[in-house]
């Protein structure tokens, strides 16, 4: 893990991102305090995506519709040319 000032991270951002894609992690400091971390993004597995989708769909199905619905599905897909 490397430490980089906010000013240097800004000046050399493309280099920092390039290094992060290769696994390097940077702690960005501003006025001596750590304010951010830049590192490689975690890849989600198919199981994690499926679990997140299931949680989202469950929550959406439990919500009550809000607002007035004055349109139909056909209105959304009608050819407007």
PDB file of N, CA and C in Angstrom:
ATOM      1  N   UNK A   1       0.850  -1.168   0.000  1.00  0.00           N
ATOM      2  CA  UNK A   1       0.000   0.000   0.000  1.00  0.00           C
ATOM      3  C   UNK A   1       0.898   1.234   0.000  1.00  0.00           C
ATOM      4  N   UNK A   2       0.616   2.135  -0.909  1.00  0.00           N
ATOM      5  CA  UNK A   2       1.394   3.373  -1.021  1.00  0.00           C
ATOM      6  C   UNK A   2       0.553   4.554  -0.560  1.00  0.00           C
ATOM      7  N   UNK A   3       1.236   5.572  -0.069  1.00  0.00           N
ATOM      8  CA  UNK A   3       0.568   6.806   0.334  1.00  0.00           C
ATOM      9  C   UNK A   3       0.900   7.867  -0.698  1.00  0.00           C
ATOM     10  N   UNK A   4      -0.109   8.638  -1.084  1.00  0.00           N
ATOM     11  CA  UNK A   4       0.075   9.692  -2.073  1.00  0.00           C
ATOM     12  C   UNK A   4      -0.731  10.911  -1.627  1.00  0.00           C
ATOM     13  N   UNK A   5      -0.171  12.091  -1.825  1.00  0.00           N
ATOM     14  CA  UNK A   5      -0.917  13.300  -1.465  1.00  0.00           C
ATOM     15  C   UNK A   5      -2.037  13.516  -2.480  1.00  0.00           C
ATOM     16  N   UNK A   6      -3.035  14.259  -2.077  1.00  0.00           N
ATOM     17  CA  UNK A   6      -4.153  14.545  -2.974  1.00  0.00           C
ATOM     18  C   UNK A   6      -3.664  15.288  -4.216  1.00  0.00           C
ATOM     19  N   UNK A   7      -2.726  16.199  -4.035  1.00  0.00           N
ATOM     20  CA  UNK A   7      -2.202  16.961  -5.171  1.00  0.00           C
ATOM     21  C   UNK A   7      -1.474  16.040  -6.151  1.00  0.00           C
ATOM     22  N   UNK A   8      -0.647  15.127  -5.624  1.00  0.00           N
ATOM     23  CA  UNK A   8       0.061  14.193  -6.504  1.00  0.00           C
ATOM     24  C   UNK A   8      -0.896  13.211  -7.167  1.00  0.00           C
ATOM     25  N   UNK A   9      -1.893  12.761  -6.435  1.00  0.00           N
ATOM     26  CA  UNK A   9      -2.891  11.861  -7.026  1.00  0.00           C
ATOM     27  C   UNK A   9      -3.608  12.561  -8.168  1.00  0.00           C
ATOM     28  N   UNK A  10      -3.873  13.839  -8.001  1.00  0.00           N
ATOM     29  CA  UNK A  10      -4.542  14.609  -9.054  1.00  0.00           C
ATOM     30  C   UNK A  10      -3.627  14.782 -10.269  1.00  0.00           C
ATOM     31  N   UNK A  11      -2.377  15.129 -10.012  1.00  0.00           N
ATOM     32  CA  UNK A  11      -1.426  15.353 -11.106  1.00  0.00           C
ATOM     33  C   UNK A  11      -1.112  14.082 -11.885  1.00  0.00           C
ATOM     34  N   UNK A  12      -1.083  12.953 -11.197  1.00  0.00           N
ATOM     35  CA  UNK A  12      -0.679  11.694 -11.824  1.00  0.00           C
ATOM     36  C   UNK A  12      -1.812  10.664 -11.794  1.00  0.00           C
ATOM     37  N   UNK A  13      -3.035  11.141 -11.961  1.00  0.00           N
ATOM     38  CA  UNK A  13      -4.201  10.269 -11.792  1.00  0.00           C
ATOM     39  C   UNK A  13      -4.179   9.071 -12.733  1.00  0.00           C
ATOM     40  N   UNK A  14      -3.833   9.280 -13.993  1.00  0.00           N
ATOM     41  CA  UNK A  14      -3.829   8.154 -14.931  1.00  0.00           C
ATOM     42  C   UNK A  14      -2.806   7.098 -14.517  1.00  0.00           C
ATOM     43  N   UNK A  15      -1.687   7.513 -13.986  1.00  0.00           N
ATOM     44  CA  UNK A  15      -0.681   6.560 -13.505  1.00  0.00           C
ATOM     45  C   UNK A  15      -1.181   5.799 -12.284  1.00  0.00           C
ATOM     46  N   UNK A  16      -1.856   6.505 -11.395  1.00  0.00           N
ATOM     47  CA  UNK A  16      -2.416   5.865 -10.204  1.00  0.00           C
ATOM     48  C   UNK A  16      -3.456   4.822 -10.620  1.00  0.00           C
ATOM     49  N   UNK A  17      -4.325   5.187 -11.558  1.00  0.00           N
ATOM     50  CA  UNK A  17      -5.334   4.233 -12.016  1.00  0.00           C
ATOM     51  C   UNK A  17      -4.692   3.027 -12.704  1.00  0.00           C
ATOM     52  N   UNK A  18      -3.692   3.273 -13.497  1.00  0.00           N
ATOM     53  CA  UNK A  18      -3.004   2.179 -14.182  1.00  0.00           C
ATOM     54  C   UNK A  18      -2.399   1.216 -13.167  1.00  0.00           C
ATOM     55  N   UNK A  19      -1.776   1.757 -12.132  1.00  0.00           N
ATOM     56  CA  UNK A  19      -1.191   0.911 -11.088  1.00  0.00           C
ATOM     57  C   UNK A  19      -2.282   0.161 -10.321  1.00  0.00           C
ATOM     58  N   UNK A  20      -3.409   0.811 -10.104  1.00  0.00           N
ATOM     59  CA  UNK A  20      -4.520   0.165  -9.390  1.00  0.00           C
ATOM     60  C   UNK A  20      -5.060  -1.022 -10.181  1.00  0.00           C
ATOM     61  N   UNK A  21      -5.061  -0.910 -11.508  1.00  0.00           N
ATOM     62  CA  UNK A  21      -5.546  -2.031 -12.309  1.00  0.00           C
ATOM     63  C   UNK A  21      -4.627  -3.242 -12.180  1.00  0.00           C
ATOM     64  N   UNK A  22      -3.390  -3.008 -11.742  1.00  0.00           N
ATOM     65  CA  UNK A  22      -2.435  -4.100 -11.550  1.00  0.00           C
ATOM     66  C   UNK A  22      -2.345  -4.529 -10.089  1.00  0.00           C
ATOM     67  N   UNK A  23      -3.302  -4.068  -9.265  1.00  0.00           N
ATOM     68  CA  UNK A  23      -3.373  -4.531  -7.883  1.00  0.00           C
ATOM     69  C   UNK A  23      -2.813  -3.603  -6.827  1.00  0.00           C
ATOM     70  N   UNK A  24      -2.209  -2.505  -7.221  1.00  0.00           N
ATOM     71  CA  UNK A  24      -1.633  -1.561  -6.253  1.00  0.00           C
ATOM     72  C   UNK A  24      -2.762  -0.806  -5.543  1.00  0.00           C
ATOM     73  N   UNK A  25      -2.573  -0.548  -4.254  1.00  0.00           N
ATOM     74  CA  UNK A  25      -3.546   0.216  -3.467  1.00  0.00           C
ATOM     75  C   UNK A  25      -2.861   1.490  -2.987  1.00  0.00           C
ATOM     76  N   UNK A  26      -3.548   2.620  -3.149  1.00  0.00           N
ATOM     77  CA  UNK A  26      -3.033   3.920  -2.729  1.00  0.00           C
ATOM     78  C   UNK A  26      -3.941   4.511  -1.658  1.00  0.00           C
ATOM     79  N   UNK A  27      -3.335   5.091  -0.640  1.00  0.00           N
ATOM     80  CA  UNK A  27      -4.074   5.869   0.348  1.00  0.00           C
ATOM     81  C   UNK A  27      -3.797   7.327   0.023  1.00  0.00           C
ATOM     82  N   UNK A  28      -4.859   8.085  -0.208  1.00  0.00           N
ATOM     83  CA  UNK A  28      -4.727   9.496  -0.554  1.00  0.00           C
ATOM     84  C   UNK A  28      -4.847  10.309   0.732  1.00  0.00           C
ATOM     85  N   UNK A  29      -3.851  11.163   0.972  1.00  0.00           N
ATOM     86  CA  UNK A  29      -3.859  11.992   2.174  1.00  0.00           C
ATOM     87  C   UNK A  29      -3.989  13.459   1.790  1.00  0.00           C
ATOM     88  N   UNK A  30      -4.703  14.165   2.626  1.00  0.00           N
ATOM     89  CA  UNK A  30      -4.855  15.608   2.456  1.00  0.00           C
ATOM     90  C   UNK A  30      -4.597  16.257   3.806  1.00  0.00           C
ATOM     91  N   UNK A  31      -3.628  17.125   3.832  1.00  0.00           N
ATOM     92  CA  UNK A  31      -3.224  17.803   5.061  1.00  0.00           C
ATOM     93  C   UNK A  31      -2.886  16.802   6.168  1.00  0.00           C
ATOM     94  N   UNK A  32      -2.237  15.727   5.762  1.00  0.00           N
ATOM     95  CA  UNK A  32      -1.777  14.735   6.718  1.00  0.00           C
ATOM     96  C   UNK A  32      -2.796  13.698   7.153  1.00  0.00           C
ATOM     97  N   UNK A  33      -4.027  13.799   6.659  1.00  0.00           N
ATOM     98  CA  UNK A  33      -5.062  12.842   7.047  1.00  0.00           C
ATOM     99  C   UNK A  33      -5.489  12.009   5.843  1.00  0.00           C
ATOM    100  N   UNK A  34      -5.661  10.725   6.069  1.00  0.00           N
ATOM    101  CA  UNK A  34      -6.133   9.840   5.004  1.00  0.00           C
ATOM    102  C   UNK A  34      -7.583  10.200   4.669  1.00  0.00           C
ATOM    103  N   UNK A  35      -7.849  10.415   3.376  1.00  0.00           N
ATOM    104  CA  UNK A  35      -9.196  10.803   2.960  1.00  0.00           C
ATOM    105  C   UNK A  35      -9.815   9.831   1.972  1.00  0.00           C
ATOM    106  N   UNK A  36      -8.996   8.996   1.348  1.00  0.00           N
ATOM    107  CA  UNK A  36      -9.543   8.067   0.353  1.00  0.00           C
ATOM    108  C   UNK A  36      -8.549   6.938   0.120  1.00  0.00           C
ATOM    109  N   UNK A  37      -9.085   5.875  -0.458  1.00  0.00           N
ATOM    110  CA  UNK A  37      -8.244   4.768  -0.898  1.00  0.00           C
ATOM    111  C   UNK A  37      -8.590   4.481  -2.350  1.00  0.00           C
ATOM    112  N   UNK A  38      -7.567   4.252  -3.147  1.00  0.00           N
ATOM    113  CA  UNK A  38      -7.768   3.914  -4.554  1.00  0.00           C
ATOM    114  C   UNK A  38      -7.098   2.566  -4.783  1.00  0.00           C
ATOM    115  N   UNK A  39      -7.882   1.624  -5.285  1.00  0.00           N
ATOM    116  CA  UNK A  39      -7.345   0.297  -5.522  1.00  0.00           C
ATOM    117  C   UNK A  39      -8.162  -0.417  -6.579  1.00  0.00           C
ATOM    118  N   UNK A  40      -7.813  -1.652  -6.857  1.00  0.00           N
ATOM    119  CA  UNK A  40      -8.541  -2.394  -7.878  1.00  0.00           C
ATOM    120  C   UNK A  40      -9.985  -2.656  -7.439  1.00  0.00           C
ATOM    121  N   UNK A  41     -10.895  -2.572  -8.389  1.00  0.00           N
ATOM    122  CA  UNK A  41     -12.302  -2.851  -8.091  1.00  0.00           C
ATOM    123  C   UNK A  41     -12.467  -4.347  -7.891  1.00  0.00           C
ATOM    124  N   UNK A  42     -13.342  -4.701  -6.979  1.00  0.00           N
ATOM    125  CA  UNK A  42     -13.615  -6.115  -6.745  1.00  0.00           C
ATOM    126  C   UNK A  42     -14.609  -6.607  -7.773  1.00  0.00           C
ATOM    127  N   UNK A  43     -14.310  -7.752  -8.329  1.00  0.00           N
ATOM    128  CA  UNK A  43     -15.234  -8.339  -9.291  1.00  0.00           C
ATOM    129  C   UNK A  43     -16.246  -9.182  -8.541  1.00  0.00           C
ATOM    130  N   UNK A  44     -17.516  -8.968  -8.860  1.00  0.00           N
ATOM    131  CA  UNK A  44     -18.563  -9.746  -8.214  1.00  0.00           C
ATOM    132  C   UNK A  44     -18.741 -11.071  -8.939  1.00  0.00           C
ATOM    133  N   UNK A  45     -18.981 -12.082  -8.156  1.00  0.00           N
ATOM    134  CA  UNK A  45     -19.230 -13.392  -8.746  1.00  0.00           C
ATOM    135  C   UNK A  45     -20.686 -13.464  -9.192  1.00  0.00           C
ATOM    136  N   UNK A  46     -21.001 -14.449 -10.005  1.00  0.00           N
ATOM    137  CA  UNK A  46     -22.382 -14.636 -10.448  1.00  0.00           C
ATOM    138  C   UNK A  46     -23.298 -14.870  -9.260  1.00  0.00           C
ATOM    139  N   UNK A  47     -22.812 -15.571  -8.251  1.00  0.00           N
ATOM    140  CA  UNK A  47     -23.626 -15.832  -7.058  1.00  0.00           C
ATOM    141  C   UNK A  47     -23.934 -14.528  -6.321  1.00  0.00           C
ATOM    142  N   UNK A  48     -22.940 -13.637  -6.232  1.00  0.00           N
ATOM    143  CA  UNK A  48     -23.168 -12.351  -5.563  1.00  0.00           C
ATOM    144  C   UNK A  48     -24.163 -11.508  -6.349  1.00  0.00           C
ATOM    145  N   UNK A  49     -24.048 -11.501  -7.675  1.00  0.00           N
ATOM    146  CA  UNK A  49     -24.984 -10.744  -8.509  1.00  0.00           C
ATOM    147  C   UNK A  49     -26.399 -11.287  -8.364  1.00  0.00           C
ATOM    148  N   UNK A  50     -26.540 -12.598  -8.375  1.00  0.00           N
ATOM    149  CA  UNK A  50     -27.857 -13.219  -8.249  1.00  0.00           C
ATOM    150  C   UNK A  50     -28.480 -12.899  -6.897  1.00  0.00           C
ATOM    151  N   UNK A  51     -27.672 -12.943  -5.847  1.00  0.00           N
ATOM    152  CA  UNK A  51     -28.171 -12.635  -4.508  1.00  0.00           C
ATOM    153  C   UNK A  51     -28.609 -11.177  -4.419  1.00  0.00           C
ATOM    154  N   UNK A  52     -27.808 -10.264  -4.979  1.00  0.00           N
ATOM    155  CA  UNK A  52     -28.162  -8.841  -4.958  1.00  0.00           C
ATOM    156  C   UNK A  52     -29.434  -8.591  -5.754  1.00  0.00           C
ATOM    157  N   UNK A  53     -29.567  -9.255  -6.894  1.00  0.00           N
ATOM    158  CA  UNK A  53     -30.770  -9.104  -7.722  1.00  0.00           C
ATOM    159  C   UNK A  53     -32.007  -9.610  -6.981  1.00  0.00           C
ATOM    160  N   UNK A  54     -31.872 -10.736  -6.295  1.00  0.00           N
ATOM    161  CA  UNK A  54     -33.001 -11.293  -5.541  1.00  0.00           C
ATOM    162  C   UNK A  54     -33.443 -10.343  -4.431  1.00  0.00           C
ATOM    163  N   UNK A  55     -32.478  -9.754  -3.733  1.00  0.00           N
ATOM    164  CA  UNK A  55     -32.805  -8.801  -2.662  1.00  0.00           C
ATOM    165  C   UNK A  55     -33.522  -7.580  -3.238  1.00  0.00           C
ATOM    166  N   UNK A  56     -33.012  -7.060  -4.352  1.00  0.00           N
ATOM    167  CA  UNK A  56     -33.627  -5.888  -4.982  1.00  0.00           C
ATOM    168  C   UNK A  56     -35.050  -6.190  -5.442  1.00  0.00           C
ATOM    169  N   UNK A  57     -35.242  -7.315  -6.132  1.00  0.00           N
ATOM    170  CA  UNK A  57     -36.580  -7.655  -6.618  1.00  0.00           C
ATOM    171  C   UNK A  57     -37.557  -7.872  -5.474  1.00  0.00           C
ATOM    172  N   UNK A  58     -37.112  -8.484  -4.391  1.00  0.00           N
ATOM    173  CA  UNK A  58     -37.975  -8.679  -3.226  1.00  0.00           C
ATOM    174  C   UNK A  58     -38.425  -7.332  -2.665  1.00  0.00           C
ATOM    175  N   UNK A  59     -37.460  -6.394  -2.556  1.00  0.00           N
ATOM    176  CA  UNK A  59     -37.796  -5.068  -2.029  1.00  0.00           C
ATOM    177  C   UNK A  59     -38.756  -4.325  -2.958  1.00  0.00           C
ATOM    178  N   UNK A  60     -38.510  -4.397  -4.267  1.00  0.00           N
ATOM    179  CA  UNK A  60     -39.380  -3.705  -5.218  1.00  0.00           C
ATOM    180  C   UNK A  60     -40.785  -4.275  -5.223  1.00  0.00           C
ATOM    181  N   UNK A  61     -40.908  -5.586  -5.103  1.00  0.00           N
ATOM    182  CA  UNK A  61     -42.237  -6.212  -5.076  1.00  0.00           C
ATOM    183  C   UNK A  61     -43.011  -5.838  -3.821  1.00  0.00           C
ATOM    184  N   UNK A  62     -42.301  -5.556  -2.732  1.00  0.00           N
ATOM    185  CA  UNK A  62     -42.949  -5.194  -1.471  1.00  0.00           C
ATOM    186  C   UNK A  62     -43.400  -3.734  -1.455  1.00  0.00           C
ATOM    187  N   UNK A  63     -42.833  -2.904  -2.330  1.00  0.00           N
ATOM    188  CA  UNK A  63     -43.193  -1.484  -2.349  1.00  0.00           C
ATOM    189  C   UNK A  63     -44.540  -1.280  -3.024  1.00  0.00           C
ATOM    190  N   UNK A  64     -45.268  -0.314  -2.522  1.00  0.00           N
ATOM    191  CA  UNK A  64     -46.520   0.049  -3.148  1.00  0.00           C
ATOM    192  C   UNK A  64     -46.249   1.067  -4.244  1.00  0.00           C
ATOM    193  N   UNK A  65     -46.986   0.973  -5.351  1.00  0.00           N
ATOM    194  CA  UNK A  65     -46.812   1.961  -6.418  1.00  0.00           C
ATOM    195  C   UNK A  65     -47.173   3.357  -5.924  1.00  0.00           C
ATOM    196  N   UNK A  66     -46.472   4.349  -6.440  1.00  0.00           N
ATOM    197  CA  UNK A  66     -46.771   5.727  -6.090  1.00  0.00           C
ATOM    198  C   UNK A  66     -47.029   6.517  -7.362  1.00  0.00           C
ATOM    199  N   UNK A  67     -47.773   7.582  -7.239  1.00  0.00           N
ATOM    200  CA  UNK A  67     -48.032   8.445  -8.384  1.00  0.00           C
ATOM    201  C   UNK A  67     -49.126   7.909  -9.288  1.00  0.00           C
ATOM    202  N   UNK A  68     -49.531   8.751 -10.213  1.00  0.00           N
ATOM    203  CA  UNK A  68     -50.589   8.408 -11.147  1.00  0.00           C
ATOM    204  C   UNK A  68     -49.989   7.731 -12.380  1.00  0.00           C
ATOM    205  N   UNK A  69     -50.600   6.648 -12.785  1.00  0.00           N
ATOM    206  CA  UNK A  69     -50.152   5.929 -13.978  1.00  0.00           C
ATOM    207  C   UNK A  69     -51.191   6.145 -15.082  1.00  0.00           C
ATOM    208  N   UNK A  70     -50.918   7.098 -15.944  1.00  0.00           N
ATOM    209  CA  UNK A  70     -51.868   7.425 -17.009  1.00  0.00           C
ATOM    210  C   UNK A  70     -51.392   6.884 -18.348  1.00  0.00           C
ATOM    211  N   UNK A  71     -50.508   5.904 -18.334  1.00  0.00           N
ATOM    212  CA  UNK A  71     -49.966   5.363 -19.563  1.00  0.00           C
ATOM    213  C   UNK A  71     -50.063   3.848 -19.526  1.00  0.00           C
ATOM    214  N   UNK A  72     -49.968   3.270 -20.672  1.00  0.00           N
ATOM    215  CA  UNK A  72     -49.976   1.815 -20.772  1.00  0.00           C
ATOM    216  C   UNK A  72     -48.635   1.359 -21.345  1.00  0.00           C
ATOM    217  N   UNK A  73     -48.390   0.098 -21.292  1.00  0.00           N
ATOM    218  CA  UNK A  73     -47.157  -0.454 -21.853  1.00  0.00           C
ATOM    219  C   UNK A  73     -47.086  -0.142 -23.348  1.00  0.00           C
ATOM    220  N   UNK A  74     -48.230  -0.223 -24.039  1.00  0.00           N
ATOM    221  CA  UNK A  74     -48.256   0.077 -25.474  1.00  0.00           C
ATOM    222  C   UNK A  74     -47.847   1.524 -25.742  1.00  0.00           C
ATOM    223  N   UNK A  75     -48.250   2.451 -24.863  1.00  0.00           N
ATOM    224  CA  UNK A  75     -47.851   3.849 -25.022  1.00  0.00           C
ATOM    225  C   UNK A  75     -46.331   4.007 -24.980  1.00  0.00           C
ATOM    226  N   UNK A  76     -45.685   3.224 -24.135  1.00  0.00           N
ATOM    227  CA  UNK A  76     -44.239   3.334 -23.998  1.00  0.00           C
ATOM    228  C   UNK A  76     -43.501   2.888 -25.248  1.00  0.00           C
ATOM    229  N   UNK A  77     -44.062   1.913 -25.945  1.00  0.00           N
ATOM    230  CA  UNK A  77     -43.353   1.317 -27.081  1.00  0.00           C
ATOM    231  C   UNK A  77     -43.964   1.685 -28.438  1.00  0.00           C
ATOM    232  N   UNK A  78     -44.878   2.620 -28.454  1.00  0.00           N
ATOM    233  CA  UNK A  78     -45.497   3.037 -29.694  1.00  0.00           C
ATOM    234  C   UNK A  78     -44.463   3.733 -30.571  1.00  0.00           C
ATOM    235  N   UNK A  79     -44.503   3.462 -31.853  1.00  0.00           N
ATOM    236  CA  UNK A  79     -43.581   4.090 -32.808  1.00  0.00           C
ATOM    237  C   UNK A  79     -43.878   5.571 -32.869  1.00  0.00           C
ATOM    238  N   UNK A  80     -42.901   6.403 -32.603  1.00  0.00           N
ATOM    239  CA  UNK A  80     -43.110   7.857 -32.537  1.00  0.00           C
ATOM    240  C   UNK A  80     -42.577   8.562 -33.766  1.00  0.00           C
ATOM    241  N   UNK A  81     -42.311   7.851 -34.836  1.00  0.00           N
ATOM    242  CA  UNK A  81     -41.766   8.512 -36.023  1.00  0.00           C
ATOM    243  C   UNK A  81     -42.846   9.029 -36.927  1.00  0.00           C
TER     244      UNK A  81
END
